[in-house]
Amino acid sequence: MEFQDLYSGLIRLHVLYHAVKEPIFGLGIIEELGRHGYRLGAGTLYPLLHGMEKKGYLKSKKELLGGRIRRVYRATPLGKKALEASKEKVRELFGELLEDD
C-alpha cells in the first residue's frame, strides 16, 4: 500500500476504536480494515496487535468463537483513555486538512 508509513497511526487508532466497542480478533479486524481500504496481512497486523498489547492499550485472551479458539483483544482502561485523548487530535488535524476544500 502506498504511503503505508503515514497510515500506521490511523490504523492503530482504528484498531483501538473497534477494541473499545467490542472484542476483536485478527481476521475480523483485517476484514474491517479492508473495508476502509487498508490492506494488511497477518504478518503486519499481529505484530501491531502485540505491540499495542505490550504498551498496555489492549489485552488479549484465548476464547472459543464460532467453534474455533481465537486470541481476542479488548481495549484496556489505558487504551480507552488513549482513544479519547486521540479524538481531539484527530478532530484538529481533520479540521486543518479539510479547511482548504
C-alpha atoms as a PDB file:
ATOM      1  CA  MET A   1       0.000   0.000   0.000  1.00  0.00           C
ATOM      2  CA  GLU A   2       1.399   3.363  -0.986  1.00  0.00           C
ATOM      3  CA  PHE A   3       2.056   5.763   1.914  1.00  0.00           C
ATOM      4  CA  GLN A   4       1.677   2.939   4.462  1.00  0.00           C
ATOM      5  CA  ASP A   5       4.071   4.710   6.802  1.00  0.00           C
ATOM      6  CA  LEU A   6       1.685   7.674   7.025  1.00  0.00           C
ATOM      7  CA  TYR A   7      -1.328   5.469   7.728  1.00  0.00           C
ATOM      8  CA  SER A   8       0.171   3.392  10.533  1.00  0.00           C
ATOM      9  CA  GLY A   9      -1.105   5.679  13.293  1.00  0.00           C
ATOM     10  CA  LEU A  10      -4.567   5.794  11.744  1.00  0.00           C
ATOM     11  CA  ILE A  11      -4.621   2.004  11.579  1.00  0.00           C
ATOM     12  CA  ARG A  12      -3.716   1.766  15.270  1.00  0.00           C
ATOM     13  CA  LEU A  13      -6.491   4.226  16.155  1.00  0.00           C
ATOM     14  CA  HIS A  14      -8.932   2.264  14.029  1.00  0.00           C
ATOM     15  CA  VAL A  15      -7.962  -0.973  15.813  1.00  0.00           C
ATOM     16  CA  LEU A  16      -8.283   0.727  19.190  1.00  0.00           C
ATOM     17  CA  TYR A  17     -11.679   2.190  18.270  1.00  0.00           C
ATOM     18  CA  HIS A  18     -13.052  -1.267  17.441  1.00  0.00           C
ATOM     19  CA  ALA A  19     -11.441  -2.860  20.501  1.00  0.00           C
ATOM     20  CA  VAL A  20     -13.231  -0.302  22.675  1.00  0.00           C
ATOM     21  CA  LYS A  21     -16.579  -1.062  21.000  1.00  0.00           C
ATOM     22  CA  GLU A  22     -16.302  -4.859  21.083  1.00  0.00           C
ATOM     23  CA  PRO A  23     -13.799  -7.699  21.316  1.00  0.00           C
ATOM     24  CA  ILE A  24     -11.756  -8.082  18.121  1.00  0.00           C
ATOM     25  CA  PHE A  25      -9.669 -10.859  16.605  1.00  0.00           C
ATOM     26  CA  GLY A  26      -7.064 -10.892  13.848  1.00  0.00           C
ATOM     27  CA  LEU A  27      -9.014 -11.975  10.768  1.00  0.00           C
ATOM     28  CA  GLY A  28     -12.045  -9.922  11.772  1.00  0.00           C
ATOM     29  CA  ILE A  29     -10.045  -6.711  12.113  1.00  0.00           C
ATOM     30  CA  ILE A  30      -8.142  -7.427   8.870  1.00  0.00           C
ATOM     31  CA  GLU A  31     -11.520  -7.620   7.120  1.00  0.00           C
ATOM     32  CA  GLU A  32     -12.783  -4.469   8.855  1.00  0.00           C
ATOM     33  CA  LEU A  33      -9.683  -2.517   7.913  1.00  0.00           C
ATOM     34  CA  GLY A  34     -10.028  -3.841   4.362  1.00  0.00           C
ATOM     35  CA  ARG A  35     -13.487  -2.273   4.148  1.00  0.00           C
ATOM     36  CA  HIS A  36     -11.754   1.045   4.745  1.00  0.00           C
ATOM     37  CA  GLY A  37      -9.101   0.482   2.109  1.00  0.00           C
ATOM     38  CA  TYR A  38      -6.299  -0.739   4.364  1.00  0.00           C
ATOM     39  CA  ARG A  39      -4.676  -3.927   3.080  1.00  0.00           C
ATOM     40  CA  LEU A  40      -2.886  -5.644   5.943  1.00  0.00           C
ATOM     41  CA  GLY A  41      -1.750  -9.207   6.171  1.00  0.00           C
ATOM     42  CA  ALA A  42      -1.342 -11.253   9.322  1.00  0.00           C
ATOM     43  CA  GLY A  43       2.407 -10.601   9.254  1.00  0.00           C
ATOM     44  CA  THR A  44       1.718  -6.890   9.667  1.00  0.00           C
ATOM     45  CA  LEU A  45      -1.347  -6.973  11.896  1.00  0.00           C
ATOM     46  CA  TYR A  46      -0.232  -9.401  14.595  1.00  0.00           C
ATOM     47  CA  PRO A  47       2.987  -7.520  15.435  1.00  0.00           C
ATOM     48  CA  LEU A  48       0.867  -4.342  15.593  1.00  0.00           C
ATOM     49  CA  LEU A  49      -1.611  -6.002  17.994  1.00  0.00           C
ATOM     50  CA  HIS A  50       1.195  -7.437  20.108  1.00  0.00           C
ATOM     51  CA  GLY A  51       2.887  -4.034  20.265  1.00  0.00           C
ATOM     52  CA  MET A  52      -0.350  -2.368  21.349  1.00  0.00           C
ATOM     53  CA  GLU A  53      -0.793  -5.054  23.991  1.00  0.00           C
ATOM     54  CA  LYS A  54       2.785  -4.607  25.213  1.00  0.00           C
ATOM     55  CA  LYS A  55       2.164  -0.847  25.578  1.00  0.00           C
ATOM     56  CA  GLY A  56      -0.959  -1.562  27.623  1.00  0.00           C
ATOM     57  CA  TYR A  57      -3.617  -0.378  25.142  1.00  0.00           C
ATOM     58  CA  LEU A  58      -5.022  -3.880  24.529  1.00  0.00           C
ATOM     59  CA  LYS A  59      -5.312  -7.095  26.487  1.00  0.00           C
ATOM     60  CA  SER A  60      -5.921 -10.492  24.970  1.00  0.00           C
ATOM     61  CA  LYS A  61      -7.007 -13.958  25.889  1.00  0.00           C
ATOM     62  CA  LYS A  62      -7.930 -17.112  24.044  1.00  0.00           C
ATOM     63  CA  GLU A  63     -11.656 -17.669  23.572  1.00  0.00           C
ATOM     64  CA  LEU A  64     -13.869 -20.096  21.695  1.00  0.00           C
ATOM     65  CA  LEU A  65     -15.549 -18.182  18.857  1.00  0.00           C
ATOM     66  CA  GLY A  66     -17.502 -19.843  16.071  1.00  0.00           C
ATOM     67  CA  GLY A  67     -16.185 -23.243  17.034  1.00  0.00           C
ATOM     68  CA  ARG A  68     -12.568 -22.052  16.899  1.00  0.00           C
ATOM     69  CA  ILE A  69     -10.129 -20.954  19.549  1.00  0.00           C
ATOM     70  CA  ARG A  70      -9.111 -17.357  18.772  1.00  0.00           C
ATOM     71  CA  ARG A  71      -6.985 -14.789  20.526  1.00  0.00           C
ATOM     72  CA  VAL A  72      -9.448 -11.994  21.278  1.00  0.00           C
ATOM     73  CA  TYR A  73      -8.338  -8.442  22.023  1.00  0.00           C
ATOM     74  CA  ARG A  74     -10.128  -5.819  24.099  1.00  0.00           C
ATOM     75  CA  ALA A  75      -9.165  -2.267  24.942  1.00  0.00           C
ATOM     76  CA  THR A  76      -7.790  -1.690  28.428  1.00  0.00           C
ATOM     77  CA  PRO A  77      -8.679   1.359  30.522  1.00  0.00           C
ATOM     78  CA  LEU A  78      -5.430   2.912  29.229  1.00  0.00           C
ATOM     79  CA  GLY A  79      -6.490   2.112  25.661  1.00  0.00           C
ATOM     80  CA  LYS A  80      -9.863   3.772  26.220  1.00  0.00           C
ATOM     81  CA  LYS A  81      -8.153   6.829  27.679  1.00  0.00           C
ATOM     82  CA  ALA A  82      -5.712   6.960  24.762  1.00  0.00           C
ATOM     83  CA  LEU A  83      -8.564   6.774  22.246  1.00  0.00           C
ATOM     84  CA  GLU A  84     -10.431   9.610  23.942  1.00  0.00           C
ATOM     85  CA  ALA A  85      -7.292  11.753  24.017  1.00  0.00           C
ATOM     86  CA  SER A  86      -6.654  10.975  20.345  1.00  0.00           C
ATOM     87  CA  LYS A  87     -10.106  12.105  19.263  1.00  0.00           C
ATOM     88  CA  GLU A  88      -9.288  15.761  19.917  1.00  0.00           C
ATOM     89  CA  LYS A  89      -6.034  15.494  17.990  1.00  0.00           C
ATOM     90  CA  VAL A  90      -7.801  13.796  15.077  1.00  0.00           C
ATOM     91  CA  ARG A  91     -10.540  16.469  15.030  1.00  0.00           C
ATOM     92  CA  GLU A  92      -7.899  19.195  14.989  1.00  0.00           C
ATOM     93  CA  LEU A  93      -5.945  17.550  12.182  1.00  0.00           C
ATOM     94  CA  PHE A  94      -9.023  16.793  10.061  1.00  0.00           C
ATOM     95  CA  GLY A  95     -10.218  20.363  10.515  1.00  0.00           C
ATOM     96  CA  GLU A  96      -6.933  21.663   9.138  1.00  0.00           C
ATOM     97  CA  LEU A  97      -6.824  19.111   6.332  1.00  0.00           C
ATOM     98  CA  LEU A  98     -10.346  19.907   5.203  1.00  0.00           C
ATOM     99  CA  GLU A  99     -10.435  23.676   5.677  1.00  0.00           C
ATOM    100  CA  ASP A 100      -8.808  24.225   2.282  1.00  0.00           C
ATOM    101  CA  ASP A 101     -11.529  22.237   0.469  1.00  0.00           C
END
